[in-house]
Protein backbone atom coordinates (compact mmCIF):
# COMPACT_ATOMS: atom_id res chain seq x y z
CA UNK A 1 0.00 0.01 0.01
CA UNK A 2 1.13 3.55 -0.68
CA UNK A 3 -0.06 6.82 0.95
CA UNK A 4 0.57 10.26 -0.53
CA UNK A 5 0.46 13.22 1.85
CA UNK A 6 -0.30 16.63 0.28
CA UNK A 7 0.22 20.11 1.70
CA UNK A 8 -1.80 22.44 -0.58
CA UNK A 9 -0.75 25.98 -1.51
CA UNK A 10 -2.91 29.05 -1.06
CA UNK A 11 -2.69 29.79 -4.75
CA UNK A 12 -0.23 30.74 -7.49
CA UNK A 13 0.77 34.39 -8.04
CA UNK A 14 1.88 33.27 -11.49
CA UNK A 15 1.48 29.95 -13.33
CA UNK A 16 4.26 27.60 -12.28
CA UNK A 17 5.50 30.02 -9.61
CA UNK A 18 6.46 28.41 -6.26
CA UNK A 19 7.00 29.95 -2.83
CA UNK A 20 10.53 30.75 -1.65
CA UNK A 21 9.56 31.38 1.99
CA UNK A 22 7.85 28.13 2.93
CA UNK A 23 8.47 26.25 6.17
CA UNK A 24 8.20 22.53 6.78
CA UNK A 25 4.69 20.98 7.06
CA UNK A 26 5.31 19.37 10.45
CA UNK A 27 1.88 17.73 10.70
CA UNK A 28 2.42 15.56 7.63
CA UNK A 29 5.80 14.39 8.90
CA UNK A 30 4.13 13.32 12.16
CA UNK A 31 1.45 11.38 10.27
CA UNK A 32 4.21 9.85 8.16
CA UNK A 33 5.83 8.59 11.36
CA UNK A 34 2.48 7.11 12.51
CA UNK A 35 2.03 5.24 9.26
CA UNK A 36 2.90 1.51 9.51
CA UNK A 37 6.39 0.67 8.22
CA UNK A 38 5.07 -1.66 5.53
CA UNK A 39 3.17 1.25 3.92
CA UNK A 40 5.10 3.33 1.38
CA UNK A 41 4.87 7.04 2.14
CA UNK A 42 5.38 10.09 -0.12
CA UNK A 43 4.84 13.72 0.66
CA UNK A 44 4.37 16.57 -1.80
CA UNK A 45 4.26 20.21 -0.87
CA UNK A 46 2.18 22.12 -3.35
CA UNK A 47 3.78 25.41 -2.22
CA UNK A 48 7.30 24.43 -3.39
CA UNK A 49 6.82 21.76 -6.06
CA UNK A 50 4.33 20.41 -8.58
CA UNK A 51 2.12 17.62 -7.31
CA UNK A 52 2.51 14.58 -9.66
CA UNK A 53 -1.13 13.66 -9.79
CA UNK A 54 -0.58 10.73 -12.14
CA UNK A 55 1.91 8.99 -9.89
CA UNK A 56 0.30 5.78 -8.61
CA UNK A 57 -0.91 5.79 -5.01
CA UNK A 58 -3.57 4.06 -2.94
CA UNK A 59 -4.65 6.97 -0.71
CA UNK A 60 -4.29 10.73 -0.88
CA UNK A 61 -4.22 12.46 2.51
CA UNK A 62 -4.66 16.22 2.20
CA UNK A 63 -4.42 18.70 5.09
CA UNK A 64 -6.62 21.82 5.05
CA UNK A 65 -6.59 25.36 6.38
CA UNK A 66 -9.22 27.93 5.42
CA UNK A 67 -6.82 29.73 3.09
CA UNK A 68 -5.67 26.52 1.41
CA UNK A 69 -8.96 24.64 1.27
CA UNK A 70 -9.90 25.80 -2.25
CA UNK A 71 -6.73 24.24 -3.55
CA UNK A 72 -7.25 21.16 -1.33
CA UNK A 73 -10.68 20.60 -2.90
CA UNK A 74 -9.19 20.96 -6.38
CA UNK A 75 -6.46 18.39 -5.65
CA UNK A 76 -8.99 16.05 -4.04
CA UNK A 77 -11.15 16.20 -7.15
CA UNK A 78 -8.17 15.36 -9.36
CA UNK A 79 -7.23 12.34 -7.27
CA UNK A 80 -10.78 11.05 -7.09
CA UNK A 81 -11.13 11.48 -10.86
CA UNK A 82 -8.19 9.09 -11.10
CA UNK A 83 -9.85 6.58 -8.84
CA UNK A 84 -7.73 7.40 -5.78
CA UNK A 85 -9.64 7.67 -2.46
CA UNK A 86 -9.09 10.93 -0.55
CA UNK A 87 -9.04 11.69 3.14
CA UNK A 88 -9.19 15.31 4.25
CA UNK A 89 -8.17 16.63 7.66
CA UNK A 90 -6.79 19.70 9.35
CA UNK A 91 -8.31 22.79 10.91
CA UNK A 92 -10.82 23.71 8.20
CA UNK A 93 -12.11 20.18 7.61
CA UNK A 94 -12.55 19.83 11.37
CA UNK A 95 -14.58 23.02 11.66
CA UNK A 96 -16.71 22.29 8.56
CA UNK A 97 -16.73 18.48 8.21
CA UNK A 98 -19.99 18.38 6.24
CA UNK A 99 -18.54 20.69 3.62
CA UNK A 100 -15.29 18.76 3.45
CA UNK A 101 -17.22 15.47 3.09
CA UNK A 102 -18.55 16.64 -0.27
CA UNK A 103 -14.99 16.59 -1.60
CA UNK A 104 -13.56 13.47 0.00
CA UNK A 105 -14.10 9.80 0.75
CA UNK A 106 -13.29 10.33 4.40
CA UNK A 107 -12.87 13.31 6.76
CA UNK A 108 -10.77 13.35 9.94
CA UNK A 109 -12.28 15.72 12.50
CA UNK A 110 -9.90 16.89 15.21
CA UNK A 111 -6.41 15.48 15.78
CA UNK A 112 -5.58 12.78 13.27
CA UNK A 113 -3.00 11.07 15.46
CA UNK A 114 -5.38 8.97 17.62
CA UNK A 115 -7.29 7.66 14.59
CA UNK A 116 -4.62 7.45 11.87
CA UNK A 117 -3.92 3.74 12.41
CA UNK A 118 -7.62 3.03 11.94
CA UNK A 119 -7.71 5.16 8.76
CA UNK A 120 -4.86 3.14 7.31
CA UNK A 121 -6.40 -0.18 8.33
CA UNK A 122 -9.75 0.77 6.75
CA UNK A 123 -8.05 2.04 3.59
CA UNK A 124 -6.22 -1.29 3.22
CA UNK A 125 -9.60 -3.08 3.18
CA UNK A 126 -11.18 -0.52 0.92
CA UNK A 127 -13.64 0.32 3.70
CA UNK A 128 -12.99 3.95 4.66
CA UNK A 129 -15.52 5.43 7.02
CA UNK A 130 -17.08 8.75 6.09
CA UNK A 131 -15.81 10.40 9.27
CA UNK A 132 -13.17 9.79 11.91
CA UNK A 133 -13.19 11.72 15.20
CA UNK A 134 -9.89 12.43 16.95
CA UNK A 135 -10.00 14.30 20.23
CA UNK A 136 -7.26 16.76 21.18
CA UNK A 137 -4.70 14.89 23.20
CA UNK A 138 -0.97 14.99 23.88
CA UNK A 139 1.04 13.64 20.97
CA UNK A 140 1.71 9.91 21.15
CA UNK A 141 4.82 8.92 23.04
CA UNK A 142 7.77 7.72 21.01
CA UNK A 143 6.61 9.31 17.74
CA UNK A 144 9.10 11.56 16.02
CA UNK A 145 8.41 13.38 12.72
CA UNK A 146 9.59 11.74 9.48
CA UNK A 147 11.86 14.62 8.52
CA UNK A 148 13.27 12.54 5.68
CA UNK A 149 10.02 13.44 3.86
CA UNK A 150 11.34 17.04 3.58
CA UNK A 151 14.50 15.97 1.73
CA UNK A 152 15.07 17.79 -1.56
CA UNK A 153 12.42 20.38 -0.90
CA UNK A 154 13.18 24.07 -0.62
CA UNK A 155 12.29 25.32 2.84
CA UNK A 156 13.59 28.14 4.99
CA UNK A 157 16.49 26.99 7.18
CA UNK A 158 14.49 26.51 10.36
CA UNK A 159 13.21 23.29 11.96
CA UNK A 160 9.67 23.16 13.30
CA UNK A 161 9.01 21.56 16.74
CA UNK A 162 5.90 21.37 18.83
CA UNK A 163 5.71 21.24 22.62
CA UNK A 164 2.03 22.11 23.22
CA UNK A 165 -1.19 22.39 21.31
CA UNK A 166 -4.00 24.77 21.97
CA UNK A 167 -4.38 27.95 24.06
CA UNK A 168 -6.39 28.61 27.21
CA UNK A 169 -7.65 31.99 25.96
CA UNK A 170 -10.78 32.59 23.92
CA UNK A 171 -10.23 35.37 21.37
CA UNK A 172 -13.40 35.67 19.33
CA UNK A 173 -11.68 35.53 15.93
CA UNK A 174 -9.43 32.56 16.72
CA UNK A 175 -10.10 29.23 14.98
CA UNK A 176 -7.69 27.23 17.18
CA UNK A 177 -9.63 28.41 20.26
CA UNK A 178 -12.73 26.71 18.80
CA UNK A 179 -10.80 23.69 17.58
CA UNK A 180 -9.12 23.01 20.95
CA UNK A 181 -11.99 24.37 23.08
CA UNK A 182 -9.53 26.48 25.11
CA UNK A 183 -7.54 23.40 26.14
CA UNK A 184 -3.77 23.13 26.04
CA UNK A 185 -2.06 19.78 25.95
CA UNK A 186 1.68 19.09 26.25
CA UNK A 187 4.28 16.62 25.00
CA UNK A 188 6.68 14.94 27.37
CA UNK A 189 9.64 17.33 27.69
CA UNK A 190 12.21 14.54 27.37
CA UNK A 191 10.83 13.67 23.93
CA UNK A 192 11.02 17.28 22.81
CA UNK A 193 14.65 17.33 23.96
CA UNK A 194 15.42 14.08 22.11
CA UNK A 195 13.79 15.42 18.93
CA UNK A 196 15.78 18.65 18.96
CA UNK A 197 19.03 16.92 19.90
CA UNK A 198 18.68 14.55 16.94
CA UNK A 199 18.41 17.27 14.33
CA UNK A 200 21.07 18.84 12.15
CA UNK A 201 19.35 22.25 12.10
CA UNK A 202 19.85 24.14 15.32
CA UNK A 203 17.50 27.01 14.50
CA UNK A 204 14.10 26.00 15.88
CA UNK A 205 10.59 27.41 15.52
CA UNK A 206 8.21 26.16 18.18
CA UNK A 207 4.83 26.13 16.44
CA UNK A 208 2.80 26.16 19.66
CA UNK A 209 -0.26 28.40 19.64
CA UNK A 210 0.92 29.98 22.93
CA UNK A 211 4.21 28.58 24.23
CA UNK A 212 4.30 30.70 27.37
CA UNK A 213 0.63 30.43 28.46
CA UNK A 214 1.59 27.80 31.07
CA UNK A 215 4.69 29.45 32.45
CA UNK A 216 5.74 26.59 34.72
CA UNK A 217 5.62 24.05 31.89
CA UNK A 218 7.47 26.45 29.57
CA UNK A 219 10.14 27.11 32.22
CA UNK A 220 10.80 23.41 32.62
CA UNK A 221 11.17 23.09 28.82
CA UNK A 222 13.59 26.01 28.75
CA UNK A 223 15.75 24.48 31.52
CA UNK A 224 15.98 21.18 29.63
CA UNK A 225 16.85 22.62 26.19
CA UNK A 226 19.48 25.07 27.49
CA UNK A 227 22.37 22.55 27.15
CA UNK A 228 21.42 21.91 23.50
CA UNK A 229 22.75 25.34 22.45
CA UNK A 230 19.97 26.00 19.92
CA UNK A 231 18.41 29.27 18.82
CA UNK A 232 14.65 29.33 18.78
CA UNK A 233 11.54 31.49 18.38
CA UNK A 234 7.86 31.00 19.11
CA UNK A 235 4.74 32.98 20.09
CA UNK A 236 3.21 33.90 23.40
CA UNK A 237 1.82 36.68 25.57
CA UNK A 238 3.06 40.04 26.75
CA UNK A 239 2.75 39.15 30.41
CA UNK A 240 6.01 37.22 30.54
CA UNK A 241 7.79 40.60 30.64
CA UNK A 242 6.58 40.90 34.22
CA UNK A 243 8.65 37.86 35.26
CA UNK A 244 12.39 38.67 34.94
CA UNK A 245 13.42 35.20 36.25
CA UNK A 246 11.31 33.55 33.57
CA UNK A 247 12.68 35.91 30.90
CA UNK A 248 16.25 35.23 31.93
CA UNK A 249 15.65 31.47 31.73
CA UNK A 250 13.98 31.89 28.38
CA UNK A 251 16.86 33.85 26.86
CA UNK A 252 19.53 31.52 28.29
CA UNK A 253 17.76 28.60 26.61
CA UNK A 254 18.40 30.17 23.21
CA UNK A 255 15.36 32.36 22.56
CA UNK A 256 16.14 34.75 19.71
CA UNK A 257 12.69 36.19 19.15
CA UNK A 258 9.02 35.96 19.97
CA UNK A 259 5.73 36.68 18.22
CA UNK A 260 3.35 38.77 20.32
CA UNK A 261 -0.34 38.87 19.56
CA UNK A 262 -0.95 42.56 20.22
CA UNK A 263 -3.97 42.69 17.88
CA UNK A 264 -5.05 46.24 18.74
CA UNK A 265 -4.17 49.26 20.84
CA UNK A 266 -7.81 50.14 21.58
CA UNK A 267 -9.15 48.94 24.98
CA UNK A 268 -12.71 48.71 23.59
CA UNK A 269 -11.52 46.48 20.75
CA UNK A 270 -9.46 44.27 23.04
CA UNK A 271 -12.42 43.75 25.37
CA UNK A 272 -14.76 42.95 22.48
CA UNK A 273 -12.43 40.31 21.01
CA UNK A 274 -11.77 38.68 24.39
CA UNK A 275 -8.11 39.72 24.52
CA UNK A 276 -8.49 40.79 28.13
CA UNK A 277 -4.89 39.99 29.09
CA UNK A 278 -3.77 42.97 26.98
CA UNK A 279 -6.08 45.45 28.68
CA UNK A 280 -4.28 48.16 30.60
CA UNK A 281 -0.86 46.96 29.46
CA UNK A 282 1.96 49.50 29.54
CA UNK A 283 3.36 48.59 26.12
CA UNK A 284 6.32 50.93 26.29
CA UNK A 285 7.56 49.47 29.55
CA UNK A 286 7.11 45.86 28.50
CA UNK A 287 8.75 46.36 25.11
CA UNK A 288 11.71 47.96 26.90
CA UNK A 289 11.99 44.83 29.06
CA UNK A 290 12.08 42.68 25.96
CA UNK A 291 14.74 44.94 24.40
CA UNK A 292 16.85 44.86 27.55
CA UNK A 293 16.90 41.08 27.28
CA UNK A 294 17.84 41.36 23.58
CA UNK A 295 14.65 39.71 22.31
CA UNK A 296 13.57 40.45 18.74
CA UNK A 297 9.82 40.92 18.50
CA UNK A 298 7.30 40.07 15.82
CA UNK A 299 4.07 42.02 16.42
CA UNK A 300 0.82 40.58 15.13
CA UNK A 301 -2.14 42.91 14.59
CA UNK A 302 -5.65 42.22 13.39
CA UNK A 303 -7.28 45.15 11.63
CA UNK A 304 -10.84 45.83 10.59
CA UNK A 305 -12.43 45.86 14.07
CA UNK A 306 -15.49 48.00 14.56
CA UNK A 307 -13.39 50.74 16.16
CA UNK A 308 -10.89 50.84 13.28
CA UNK A 309 -10.74 53.52 10.57
CA UNK A 310 -8.40 54.09 7.65
CA UNK A 311 -6.57 56.72 9.72
CA UNK A 312 -6.29 54.55 12.83
CA UNK A 313 -4.75 51.73 10.78
CA UNK A 314 -2.18 54.16 9.34
CA UNK A 315 -1.32 55.35 12.88
CA UNK A 316 -0.98 51.73 14.00
CA UNK A 317 1.60 51.15 11.26
CA UNK A 318 3.50 54.28 12.27
CA UNK A 319 3.48 53.08 15.87
CA UNK A 320 4.85 49.66 14.84
CA UNK A 321 7.66 51.24 12.81
CA UNK A 322 8.54 53.53 15.72
CA UNK A 323 8.73 50.53 18.05
CA UNK A 324 11.33 49.00 15.64
CA UNK A 325 9.74 45.61 15.64
CA UNK A 326 11.79 43.03 13.77
CA UNK A 327 8.64 41.97 11.94
CA UNK A 328 4.97 42.81 11.97
CA UNK A 329 1.84 41.29 10.50
CA UNK A 330 -1.13 43.47 9.67
CA UNK A 331 -3.82 40.87 9.14
CA UNK A 332 -7.30 41.72 8.01
CA UNK A 333 -9.66 40.27 10.60
CA UNK A 334 -10.88 37.09 8.92
CA UNK A 335 -14.25 35.42 9.72
CA UNK A 336 -13.00 31.86 10.15
CA UNK A 337 -15.84 29.36 10.16
CA UNK A 338 -17.42 28.38 13.51
CA UNK A 339 -15.72 31.23 15.42
CA UNK A 340 -17.74 33.70 17.55
CA UNK A 341 -16.70 36.44 15.15
CA UNK A 342 -18.09 34.53 12.15
CA UNK A 343 -21.39 33.97 13.97
CA UNK A 344 -21.56 37.63 14.98
CA UNK A 345 -21.20 38.79 11.39
CA UNK A 346 -23.88 36.30 10.30
CA UNK A 347 -26.30 37.73 12.83
CA UNK A 348 -25.50 41.24 11.65
CA UNK A 349 -25.74 40.22 7.95
CA UNK A 350 -22.27 41.61 7.27
CA UNK A 351 -20.70 38.68 5.46
CA UNK A 352 -19.45 39.11 1.92
CA UNK A 353 -18.94 36.28 -0.61
CA UNK A 354 -22.00 34.46 0.76
CA UNK A 355 -20.15 33.81 3.98
CA UNK A 356 -17.86 31.38 2.15
CA UNK A 357 -14.85 33.48 1.23
CA UNK A 358 -12.47 30.46 1.40
CA UNK A 359 -13.87 28.81 -1.74
CA UNK A 360 -15.73 31.71 -3.40
CA UNK A 361 -14.49 32.29 -6.98
CA UNK A 362 -14.46 36.08 -6.52
CA UNK A 363 -12.49 36.25 -3.28
CA UNK A 364 -8.85 37.40 -3.52
CA UNK A 365 -6.05 36.92 -1.02
CA UNK A 366 -5.70 39.54 1.73
CA UNK A 367 -9.06 41.16 0.88
CA UNK A 368 -11.81 41.97 3.38
CA UNK A 369 -14.47 39.29 3.58
CA UNK A 370 -17.09 41.29 5.47
CA UNK A 371 -18.52 44.80 5.71
CA UNK A 372 -16.50 46.86 8.26
CA UNK A 373 -18.26 49.29 10.56
CA UNK A 374 -16.35 52.54 9.79
CA UNK A 375 -15.05 52.11 6.26
CA UNK A 376 -15.84 50.15 3.13
CA UNK A 377 -14.45 46.68 2.48
CA UNK A 378 -12.27 48.06 -0.31
CA UNK A 379 -10.93 50.77 2.03
CA UNK A 380 -10.01 48.13 4.61
CA UNK A 381 -8.25 46.04 1.97
CA UNK A 382 -6.27 49.07 0.77
CA UNK A 383 -5.44 50.21 4.32
CA UNK A 384 -4.12 46.74 5.18
CA UNK A 385 -1.96 46.52 2.08
CA UNK A 386 -0.67 50.04 2.69
CA UNK A 387 0.40 49.06 6.24
CA UNK A 388 2.27 46.00 4.95
CA UNK A 389 3.82 48.05 2.15
CA UNK A 390 5.03 50.83 4.43
CA UNK A 391 6.34 48.51 7.15
CA UNK A 392 8.33 46.41 4.72
CA UNK A 393 9.47 49.28 2.54
CA UNK A 394 13.28 49.53 2.31
CA UNK A 395 13.45 52.82 4.27
CA UNK A 396 11.45 51.25 7.11
CA UNK A 397 13.61 48.12 7.08
CA UNK A 398 16.75 50.27 7.31
CA UNK A 399 15.29 52.49 10.07
CA UNK A 400 14.09 49.58 12.20
CA UNK A 401 17.45 47.78 11.86
CA UNK A 402 19.21 50.46 13.95
CA UNK A 403 18.73 48.88 17.36
CA UNK A 404 21.93 47.82 19.14
CA UNK A 405 20.02 45.97 21.86
CA UNK A 406 18.32 43.60 19.41
CA UNK A 407 18.87 43.47 15.66
CA UNK A 408 22.49 44.69 15.78
CA UNK A 409 23.46 42.93 19.00
CA UNK A 410 24.69 39.79 17.24
CA UNK A 411 25.42 38.76 13.63
CA UNK A 412 22.88 35.90 13.89
CA UNK A 413 20.10 38.30 14.88
CA UNK A 414 20.93 40.74 12.11
CA UNK A 415 21.01 37.83 9.63
CA UNK A 416 17.54 36.73 10.73
CA UNK A 417 16.31 40.34 10.54
CA UNK A 418 17.66 40.85 7.03
CA UNK A 419 16.57 37.49 5.66
CA UNK A 420 13.00 37.53 6.84
CA UNK A 421 12.37 41.21 6.10
CA UNK A 422 13.46 40.48 2.53
CA UNK A 423 11.19 37.38 2.39
CA UNK A 424 8.17 39.32 3.69
CA UNK A 425 8.90 42.26 1.37
CA UNK A 426 8.95 39.91 -1.58
CA UNK A 427 6.24 37.36 -0.80
CA UNK A 428 3.62 39.83 0.41
CA UNK A 429 3.57 41.76 -2.82
CA UNK A 430 3.50 38.59 -4.91
CA UNK A 431 0.44 37.19 -3.11
CA UNK A 432 -1.67 40.34 -2.81
CA UNK A 433 -4.94 40.05 -4.87
CA UNK A 434 -4.17 36.40 -5.72
CA UNK A 435 -7.01 34.03 -6.43
CA UNK A 436 -7.27 31.18 -3.94
CA UNK A 437 -6.57 27.76 -5.40
CA UNK A 438 -5.32 27.38 -8.94
């Protein structure tokens, strides 16, 4: 038996054009490791290579996110047309299993790890069930990603590792909060250490939804990975700046940078989205703490809230440039299916694209998918693109680089700063206005 794993792309900016800023699809490598040894496994990443649809296989397993699901459905149709059964899984398929079922022979809802052995056993017999339900749980002991599946593919030089899944917070726009029901589960720390120690790459990205939400668990992880002499980054909350002992432990373990979900500077907006931990935060003081520790910051903002205007978005971009963040993301607030935000827009009749932007033929990447309160959808789209364009313009990149506590404190940090600012400068402009799928 042979299984083919597929990671779909969002779309193609130009025919035959592949991404140059992709990172490894860790989930598929984990499922590859869970596949019995007598089953042949291949993995194709639609972002960086052409998927050979005519290559013989017995099962196509395609992961989905809302931005990639249009392409996932196209690939599924091609495989099924060739007589190959398809199983769909991932975040989007889990949130909308009935929709996904129209495009597949089987759908995995929730974590695939607990049910993957059954999926393979049923596929061998030609008896796939329509739906498999996997509950969020700690990753199985003794399972390490099949990183050999990444061989020969062009990825950024960073290795993805996961310690925890889920987040205890409940931001209204967040799909993982719905998917994990505000639960956070953890791997055994000794297995994380073994996985990192066994890799050639020593630059690590922890893909946890919120690595520092459970500070005691994170602190134990940091203590154990310190001897490995790796450099790593992840994402977490602003509150860790209040704990200098934790920050010191974090930096000594090799932390080079952290993504912070700032989202908005407006208290009313933070309260409405459920981001209560950011209310009343003295940003200037906390950012100075991060700088004193030499931590490079990636600030993530969501724009298009009911308090936002074109002018306030422009001021937010100015503020981010003045803070000299290493990187920033200005993401249009997206109504992901099944989230409280999606349901709110439905009640208010504010959805565009029939409430199905992810597979609507007229939707374009990085465009507004709903009617904002204080501007038009087109104005929001333009304001978002302008923020990205100004933040990643060459003068801004040069200005933000002049920080001797962070970006210029070490050649490695400056290298990361220069590389990823170039990648974001390039990839963002390529993908703007792109049709989803192909």
